[in-house]
Amino acid sequence: MRVLIIEDNQKLADSVKVGLEKENISVDLAYTGVQGEEKAYITDYDVILLDLNLPDKDGLEILEFLRSEGIQTPVIIGSARDEISDRALGLNIGADDYLVKPYDLIELIARLRAVVRRFQGRSNPTIIIRDLEINPIRHELLLKGKKVKLKPKEFDILQFIAEKHPAVVSLEEIAEHVYDENFDPFSSVLRVHLARLKKQLKESGGEEVLLTIRSKGYRLWE
């Protein structure tokens, strides 16, 4: 999962980023509304955490702009403004959830995952595809009923591909959703992760689980 936090309180934003990254969630930061609006417009994030009280542009204006431009990325409004009218206005404009500051990190993570599941049309956090069961909350993978231990980033890659199943997912899409903005797209790191992931799944399942589709990308079983 890749999250954009638009928050002018740098100390708070940095603290939330650290907490989310401990849960293997990739995070980009924007300390101004204009910067956040630009990032949200250009990049296909999984979810956006949007502050309302930004110094240069009101958060509700940013949300209204994104929705008017057809950007449907789930948005959680985070604000110290807890009046019912503010919540109702944000939700009516197109927000998916509303959290009052200060954040409880456990609740924030749960809500981020919940709005992403709803956006993907899933109610169950566990992703089941044939003999594959992926539990993002426990970071647990079962293949043919047996636990398979993956490195955190390889788990994230598999989760993203599974969420898009049965579509073929390109390298660019994987990089955009699994890594943050500091990731070097010319690095061989992603290909190394994919090669290890393919090998481990094949060894654990006794067959090719993750397929390479020539010139297109990757997908799970046919």
C-alpha atoms as a PDB file:
ATOM      1  CA  MET A   1       0.000   0.000   0.000  1.00  0.00           C
ATOM      2  CA  ARG A   2       1.227   3.492  -0.846  1.00  0.00           C
ATOM      3  CA  VAL A   3      -0.144   6.456   1.098  1.00  0.00           C
ATOM      4  CA  LEU A   4       0.106  10.206   0.549  1.00  0.00           C
ATOM      5  CA  ILE A   5      -0.028  12.343   3.697  1.00  0.00           C
ATOM      6  CA  ILE A   6      -0.877  16.009   3.082  1.00  0.00           C
ATOM      7  CA  GLU A   7      -0.114  17.693   6.406  1.00  0.00           C
ATOM      8  CA  ASP A   8       1.569  21.028   7.219  1.00  0.00           C
ATOM      9  CA  ASN A   9       2.559  19.934  10.746  1.00  0.00           C
ATOM     10  CA  GLN A  10       5.883  18.377   9.782  1.00  0.00           C
ATOM     11  CA  LYS A  11       6.493  16.809  13.180  1.00  0.00           C
ATOM     12  CA  LEU A  12       3.113  15.053  13.071  1.00  0.00           C
ATOM     13  CA  ALA A  13       3.522  14.020   9.432  1.00  0.00           C
ATOM     14  CA  ASP A  14       6.998  12.612  10.026  1.00  0.00           C
ATOM     15  CA  SER A  15       5.802  10.733  13.114  1.00  0.00           C
ATOM     16  CA  VAL A  16       2.873   9.147  11.264  1.00  0.00           C
ATOM     17  CA  LYS A  17       5.174   8.242   8.358  1.00  0.00           C
ATOM     18  CA  VAL A  18       7.518   6.380  10.729  1.00  0.00           C
ATOM     19  CA  GLY A  19       4.599   4.522  12.313  1.00  0.00           C
ATOM     20  CA  LEU A  20       3.101   3.490   8.983  1.00  0.00           C
ATOM     21  CA  GLU A  21       6.443   2.386   7.554  1.00  0.00           C
ATOM     22  CA  LYS A  22       6.865   0.038  10.512  1.00  0.00           C
ATOM     23  CA  GLU A  23       3.751  -1.691   9.135  1.00  0.00           C
ATOM     24  CA  ASN A  24       5.395  -1.913   5.677  1.00  0.00           C
ATOM     25  CA  ILE A  25       3.223   0.886   4.280  1.00  0.00           C
ATOM     26  CA  SER A  26       5.025   3.146   1.801  1.00  0.00           C
ATOM     27  CA  VAL A  27       4.478   6.842   2.547  1.00  0.00           C
ATOM     28  CA  ASP A  28       4.972  10.081   0.604  1.00  0.00           C
ATOM     29  CA  LEU A  29       4.691  13.427   2.375  1.00  0.00           C
ATOM     30  CA  ALA A  30       3.477  16.849   1.281  1.00  0.00           C
ATOM     31  CA  TYR A  31       3.764  19.720   3.751  1.00  0.00           C
ATOM     32  CA  THR A  32       1.674  22.165   1.686  1.00  0.00           C
ATOM     33  CA  GLY A  33      -1.666  21.901  -0.009  1.00  0.00           C
ATOM     34  CA  VAL A  34      -0.367  22.843  -3.449  1.00  0.00           C
ATOM     35  CA  GLN A  35       2.386  20.212  -3.271  1.00  0.00           C
ATOM     36  CA  GLY A  36      -0.065  17.602  -2.018  1.00  0.00           C
ATOM     37  CA  GLU A  37      -2.623  18.379  -4.705  1.00  0.00           C
ATOM     38  CA  GLU A  38       0.046  18.010  -7.396  1.00  0.00           C
ATOM     39  CA  LYS A  39       1.275  14.669  -6.035  1.00  0.00           C
ATOM     40  CA  ALA A  40      -2.278  13.352  -5.671  1.00  0.00           C
ATOM     41  CA  TYR A  41      -3.074  14.374  -9.256  1.00  0.00           C
ATOM     42  CA  ILE A  42       0.065  12.865 -10.803  1.00  0.00           C
ATOM     43  CA  THR A  43       0.520   9.644  -8.782  1.00  0.00           C
ATOM     44  CA  ASP A  44      -1.926   6.760  -8.397  1.00  0.00           C
ATOM     45  CA  TYR A  45      -1.916   6.365  -4.600  1.00  0.00           C
ATOM     46  CA  ASP A  46      -3.880   3.701  -2.756  1.00  0.00           C
ATOM     47  CA  VAL A  47      -5.179   6.215  -0.210  1.00  0.00           C
ATOM     48  CA  ILE A  48      -4.649   9.855   0.810  1.00  0.00           C
ATOM     49  CA  LEU A  49      -4.648  11.235   4.367  1.00  0.00           C
ATOM     50  CA  LEU A  50      -5.665  14.877   3.952  1.00  0.00           C
ATOM     51  CA  ASP A  51      -5.446  17.640   6.548  1.00  0.00           C
ATOM     52  CA  LEU A  52      -8.079  20.374   6.305  1.00  0.00           C
ATOM     53  CA  ASN A  53      -6.190  23.266   7.886  1.00  0.00           C
ATOM     54  CA  LEU A  54      -3.411  23.829   5.392  1.00  0.00           C
ATOM     55  CA  PRO A  55      -1.715  27.254   5.207  1.00  0.00           C
ATOM     56  CA  ASP A  56      -1.880  27.744   1.448  1.00  0.00           C
ATOM     57  CA  LYS A  57      -4.986  25.865   0.313  1.00  0.00           C
ATOM     58  CA  ASP A  58      -7.910  24.456   2.257  1.00  0.00           C
ATOM     59  CA  GLY A  59      -8.098  20.677   2.322  1.00  0.00           C
ATOM     60  CA  LEU A  60     -11.727  20.670   1.205  1.00  0.00           C
ATOM     61  CA  GLU A  61     -10.748  22.674  -1.897  1.00  0.00           C
ATOM     62  CA  ILE A  62      -8.099  20.065  -2.696  1.00  0.00           C
ATOM     63  CA  LEU A  63     -10.615  17.241  -2.285  1.00  0.00           C
ATOM     64  CA  GLU A  64     -13.156  19.045  -4.454  1.00  0.00           C
ATOM     65  CA  PHE A  65     -10.540  19.599  -7.167  1.00  0.00           C
ATOM     66  CA  LEU A  66      -9.426  15.945  -7.176  1.00  0.00           C
ATOM     67  CA  ARG A  67     -12.986  14.659  -7.451  1.00  0.00           C
ATOM     68  CA  SER A  68     -13.804  17.170 -10.203  1.00  0.00           C
ATOM     69  CA  GLU A  69     -10.799  15.858 -12.152  1.00  0.00           C
ATOM     70  CA  GLY A  70     -11.970  12.260 -11.839  1.00  0.00           C
ATOM     71  CA  ILE A  71      -9.368  11.245  -9.240  1.00  0.00           C
ATOM     72  CA  GLN A  72     -11.162   8.543  -7.248  1.00  0.00           C
ATOM     73  CA  THR A  73      -8.329   7.653  -4.851  1.00  0.00           C
ATOM     74  CA  PRO A  74      -9.818   7.015  -1.382  1.00  0.00           C
ATOM     75  CA  VAL A  75      -9.379  10.028   0.913  1.00  0.00           C
ATOM     76  CA  ILE A  76      -9.417  10.102   4.710  1.00  0.00           C
ATOM     77  CA  ILE A  77      -9.755  13.602   6.108  1.00  0.00           C
ATOM     78  CA  GLY A  78      -7.706  14.193   9.226  1.00  0.00           C
ATOM     79  CA  SER A  79      -8.436  17.357  11.154  1.00  0.00           C
ATOM     80  CA  ALA A  80      -8.731  18.945  14.558  1.00  0.00           C
ATOM     81  CA  ARG A  81     -12.018  20.397  13.309  1.00  0.00           C
ATOM     82  CA  ASP A  82     -14.503  17.928  14.740  1.00  0.00           C
ATOM     83  CA  GLU A  83     -17.750  19.798  14.102  1.00  0.00           C
ATOM     84  CA  ILE A  84     -20.467  17.686  12.484  1.00  0.00           C
ATOM     85  CA  SER A  85     -20.801  20.264   9.694  1.00  0.00           C
ATOM     86  CA  ASP A  86     -17.144  19.841   8.714  1.00  0.00           C
ATOM     87  CA  ARG A  87     -17.441  16.057   8.684  1.00  0.00           C
ATOM     88  CA  ALA A  88     -20.645  16.158   6.660  1.00  0.00           C
ATOM     89  CA  LEU A  89     -19.214  18.632   4.138  1.00  0.00           C
ATOM     90  CA  GLY A  90     -16.065  16.556   3.645  1.00  0.00           C
ATOM     91  CA  LEU A  91     -18.029  13.345   3.175  1.00  0.00           C
ATOM     92  CA  ASN A  92     -20.481  15.025   0.807  1.00  0.00           C
ATOM     93  CA  ILE A  93     -17.651  16.369  -1.356  1.00  0.00           C
ATOM     94  CA  GLY A  94     -16.217  12.875  -1.693  1.00  0.00           C
ATOM     95  CA  ALA A  95     -14.133  11.898   1.337  1.00  0.00           C
ATOM     96  CA  ASP A  96     -14.256   8.233   2.319  1.00  0.00           C
ATOM     97  CA  ASP A  97     -13.660   8.677   6.045  1.00  0.00           C
ATOM     98  CA  TYR A  98     -12.954  11.357   8.670  1.00  0.00           C
ATOM     99  CA  LEU A  99     -10.538  11.156  11.611  1.00  0.00           C
ATOM    100  CA  VAL A 100     -10.184  13.729  14.370  1.00  0.00           C
ATOM    101  CA  LYS A 101      -6.659  14.568  15.532  1.00  0.00           C
ATOM    102  CA  PRO A 102      -4.632  13.527  17.412  1.00  0.00           C
ATOM    103  CA  TYR A 103      -4.466  10.203  15.576  1.00  0.00           C
ATOM    104  CA  ASP A 104      -4.371   6.850  17.281  1.00  0.00           C
ATOM    105  CA  LEU A 105      -1.938   4.989  15.028  1.00  0.00           C
ATOM    106  CA  ILE A 106      -3.656   1.610  15.385  1.00  0.00           C
ATOM    107  CA  GLU A 107      -7.025   3.109  14.424  1.00  0.00           C
ATOM    108  CA  LEU A 108      -5.475   5.060  11.550  1.00  0.00           C
ATOM    109  CA  ILE A 109      -3.877   1.931  10.068  1.00  0.00           C
ATOM    110  CA  ALA A 110      -7.157   0.011  10.420  1.00  0.00           C
ATOM    111  CA  ARG A 111      -9.077   2.782   8.657  1.00  0.00           C
ATOM    112  CA  LEU A 112      -6.523   3.076   5.864  1.00  0.00           C
ATOM    113  CA  ARG A 113      -6.818  -0.638   5.181  1.00  0.00           C
ATOM    114  CA  ALA A 114     -10.606  -0.551   5.441  1.00  0.00           C
ATOM    115  CA  VAL A 115     -11.112   2.258   2.903  1.00  0.00           C
ATOM    116  CA  VAL A 116      -8.714   0.568   0.474  1.00  0.00           C
ATOM    117  CA  ARG A 117     -10.652  -2.719   0.802  1.00  0.00           C
ATOM    118  CA  ARG A 118     -13.936  -0.925   0.175  1.00  0.00           C
ATOM    119  CA  PHE A 119     -12.461   0.802  -2.863  1.00  0.00           C
ATOM    120  CA  GLN A 120     -11.345  -2.574  -4.207  1.00  0.00           C
ATOM    121  CA  GLY A 121     -14.777  -4.059  -3.528  1.00  0.00           C
ATOM    122  CA  ARG A 122     -13.582  -6.425  -0.807  1.00  0.00           C
ATOM    123  CA  SER A 123     -15.097  -6.864   2.652  1.00  0.00           C
ATOM    124  CA  ASN A 124     -12.743  -9.610   3.848  1.00  0.00           C
ATOM    125  CA  PRO A 125      -9.131  -8.538   4.552  1.00  0.00           C
ATOM    126  CA  THR A 126      -7.884 -11.989   3.537  1.00  0.00           C
ATOM    127  CA  ILE A 127      -7.274 -12.385  -0.204  1.00  0.00           C
ATOM    128  CA  ILE A 128      -7.971 -15.922  -1.420  1.00  0.00           C
ATOM    129  CA  ILE A 129      -6.985 -17.026  -4.937  1.00  0.00           C
ATOM    130  CA  ARG A 130      -7.053 -20.762  -5.545  1.00  0.00           C
ATOM    131  CA  ASP A 131      -4.600 -22.288  -3.019  1.00  0.00           C
ATOM    132  CA  LEU A 132      -3.204 -18.890  -2.017  1.00  0.00           C
ATOM    133  CA  GLU A 133      -4.343 -17.043   1.125  1.00  0.00           C
ATOM    134  CA  ILE A 134      -2.880 -13.624   1.913  1.00  0.00           C
ATOM    135  CA  ASN A 135      -3.679 -11.895   5.204  1.00  0.00           C
ATOM    136  CA  PRO A 136      -2.356  -8.297   5.025  1.00  0.00           C
ATOM    137  CA  ILE A 137      -3.129  -7.553   8.673  1.00  0.00           C
ATOM    138  CA  ARG A 138      -1.077 -10.441  10.057  1.00  0.00           C
ATOM    139  CA  HIS A 139       1.332 -10.340   7.110  1.00  0.00           C
ATOM    140  CA  GLU A 140       0.723 -14.045   6.716  1.00  0.00           C
ATOM    141  CA  LEU A 141       0.834 -16.129   3.556  1.00  0.00           C
ATOM    142  CA  LEU A 142      -0.591 -19.637   3.205  1.00  0.00           C
ATOM    143  CA  LEU A 143       0.023 -21.672   0.068  1.00  0.00           C
ATOM    144  CA  LYS A 144      -1.774 -25.021  -0.094  1.00  0.00           C
ATOM    145  CA  GLY A 145      -2.396 -24.715   3.629  1.00  0.00           C
ATOM    146  CA  LYS A 146       1.272 -24.213   4.540  1.00  0.00           C
ATOM    147  CA  LYS A 147       2.813 -21.003   5.844  1.00  0.00           C
ATOM    148  CA  VAL A 148       5.315 -19.332   3.533  1.00  0.00           C
ATOM    149  CA  LYS A 149       7.654 -16.761   5.015  1.00  0.00           C
ATOM    150  CA  LEU A 150       8.454 -13.842   2.724  1.00  0.00           C
ATOM    151  CA  LYS A 151      10.550 -10.731   3.147  1.00  0.00           C
ATOM    152  CA  PRO A 152       8.319  -7.682   3.872  1.00  0.00           C
ATOM    153  CA  LYS A 153       8.740  -6.054   0.457  1.00  0.00           C
ATOM    154  CA  GLU A 154       8.168  -9.350  -1.361  1.00  0.00           C
ATOM    155  CA  PHE A 155       4.960  -9.829   0.638  1.00  0.00           C
ATOM    156  CA  ASP A 156       3.834  -6.338  -0.390  1.00  0.00           C
ATOM    157  CA  ILE A 157       4.549  -7.097  -4.059  1.00  0.00           C
ATOM    158  CA  LEU A 158       2.554 -10.336  -3.905  1.00  0.00           C
ATOM    159  CA  GLN A 159      -0.309  -8.609  -2.112  1.00  0.00           C
ATOM    160  CA  PHE A 160      -0.528  -5.912  -4.777  1.00  0.00           C
ATOM    161  CA  ILE A 161      -0.482  -8.431  -7.641  1.00  0.00           C
ATOM    162  CA  ALA A 162      -3.156 -10.488  -5.847  1.00  0.00           C
ATOM    163  CA  GLU A 163      -5.337  -7.403  -5.348  1.00  0.00           C
ATOM    164  CA  LYS A 164      -5.252  -6.812  -9.109  1.00  0.00           C
ATOM    165  CA  HIS A 165      -5.900 -10.465 -10.033  1.00  0.00           C
ATOM    166  CA  PRO A 166      -6.672 -11.604 -12.717  1.00  0.00           C
ATOM    167  CA  ALA A 167      -5.162  -8.552 -14.410  1.00  0.00           C
ATOM    168  CA  VAL A 168      -1.556  -8.465 -15.589  1.00  0.00           C
ATOM    169  CA  VAL A 169       0.416  -5.932 -13.534  1.00  0.00           C
ATOM    170  CA  SER A 170       3.352  -4.047 -15.039  1.00  0.00           C
ATOM    171  CA  LEU A 171       6.658  -3.309 -13.341  1.00  0.00           C
ATOM    172  CA  GLU A 172       5.741   0.374 -13.344  1.00  0.00           C
ATOM    173  CA  GLU A 173       2.473  -0.283 -11.517  1.00  0.00           C
ATOM    174  CA  ILE A 174       4.196  -2.427  -8.894  1.00  0.00           C
ATOM    175  CA  ALA A 175       6.883   0.207  -8.319  1.00  0.00           C
ATOM    176  CA  GLU A 176       4.274   2.940  -8.016  1.00  0.00           C
ATOM    177  CA  HIS A 177       2.209   1.155  -5.367  1.00  0.00           C
ATOM    178  CA  VAL A 178       4.816  -0.745  -3.351  1.00  0.00           C
ATOM    179  CA  TYR A 179       7.619   1.830  -3.067  1.00  0.00           C
ATOM    180  CA  ASP A 180       7.638   5.492  -2.103  1.00  0.00           C
ATOM    181  CA  GLU A 181       8.727   8.460  -4.221  1.00  0.00           C
ATOM    182  CA  ASN A 182      12.389   7.975  -3.295  1.00  0.00           C
ATOM    183  CA  PHE A 183      12.556   4.642  -5.123  1.00  0.00           C
ATOM    184  CA  ASP A 184      14.884   4.626  -8.126  1.00  0.00           C
ATOM    185  CA  PRO A 185      12.862   3.237 -11.074  1.00  0.00           C
ATOM    186  CA  PHE A 186      16.109   2.261 -12.831  1.00  0.00           C
ATOM    187  CA  SER A 187      17.230   0.133  -9.898  1.00  0.00           C
ATOM    188  CA  SER A 188      17.329  -3.657 -10.234  1.00  0.00           C
ATOM    189  CA  VAL A 189      15.901  -4.058  -6.726  1.00  0.00           C
ATOM    190  CA  LEU A 190      12.325  -4.695  -7.873  1.00  0.00           C
ATOM    191  CA  ARG A 191      13.361  -7.360 -10.397  1.00  0.00           C
ATOM    192  CA  VAL A 192      15.458  -9.077  -7.715  1.00  0.00           C
ATOM    193  CA  HIS A 193      12.470  -9.122  -5.344  1.00  0.00           C
ATOM    194  CA  LEU A 194      10.238 -10.542  -8.076  1.00  0.00           C
ATOM    195  CA  ALA A 195      12.757 -13.254  -8.994  1.00  0.00           C
ATOM    196  CA  ARG A 196      13.069 -14.351  -5.350  1.00  0.00           C
ATOM    197  CA  LEU A 197       9.307 -14.246  -4.901  1.00  0.00           C
ATOM    198  CA  LYS A 198       8.687 -16.393  -7.995  1.00  0.00           C
ATOM    199  CA  LYS A 199      11.274 -18.922  -6.877  1.00  0.00           C
ATOM    200  CA  GLN A 200       9.975 -19.221  -3.329  1.00  0.00           C
ATOM    201  CA  LEU A 201       6.350 -19.586  -4.434  1.00  0.00           C
ATOM    202  CA  LYS A 202       7.300 -22.286  -6.935  1.00  0.00           C
ATOM    203  CA  GLU A 203       9.345 -24.192  -4.346  1.00  0.00           C
ATOM    204  CA  SER A 204       6.543 -23.932  -1.766  1.00  0.00           C
ATOM    205  CA  GLY A 205       3.675 -24.742  -4.112  1.00  0.00           C
ATOM    206  CA  GLY A 206       5.344 -27.215  -6.437  1.00  0.00           C
ATOM    207  CA  GLU A 207       4.278 -25.258  -9.520  1.00  0.00           C
ATOM    208  CA  GLU A 208       4.537 -21.821 -11.112  1.00  0.00           C
ATOM    209  CA  VAL A 209       2.362 -19.511  -9.039  1.00  0.00           C
ATOM    210  CA  LEU A 210       3.611 -16.120 -10.208  1.00  0.00           C
ATOM    211  CA  LEU A 211       3.754 -15.913 -13.995  1.00  0.00           C
ATOM    212  CA  THR A 212       5.792 -13.568 -16.172  1.00  0.00           C
ATOM    213  CA  ILE A 213       3.758 -12.317 -19.123  1.00  0.00           C
ATOM    214  CA  ARG A 214       6.218 -11.308 -21.823  1.00  0.00           C
ATOM    215  CA  SER A 215       6.404  -7.556 -22.467  1.00  0.00           C
ATOM    216  CA  LYS A 216       3.427  -6.960 -20.162  1.00  0.00           C
ATOM    217  CA  GLY A 217       4.220  -7.810 -16.560  1.00  0.00           C
ATOM    218  CA  TYR A 218       3.152 -10.319 -13.934  1.00  0.00           C
ATOM    219  CA  ARG A 219       0.047 -12.166 -12.803  1.00  0.00           C
ATOM    220  CA  LEU A 220      -0.943 -15.134 -10.697  1.00  0.00           C
ATOM    221  CA  TRP A 221      -2.141 -18.507 -12.043  1.00  0.00           C
ATOM    222  CA  GLU A 222      -3.988 -18.745 -15.336  1.00  0.00           C
END
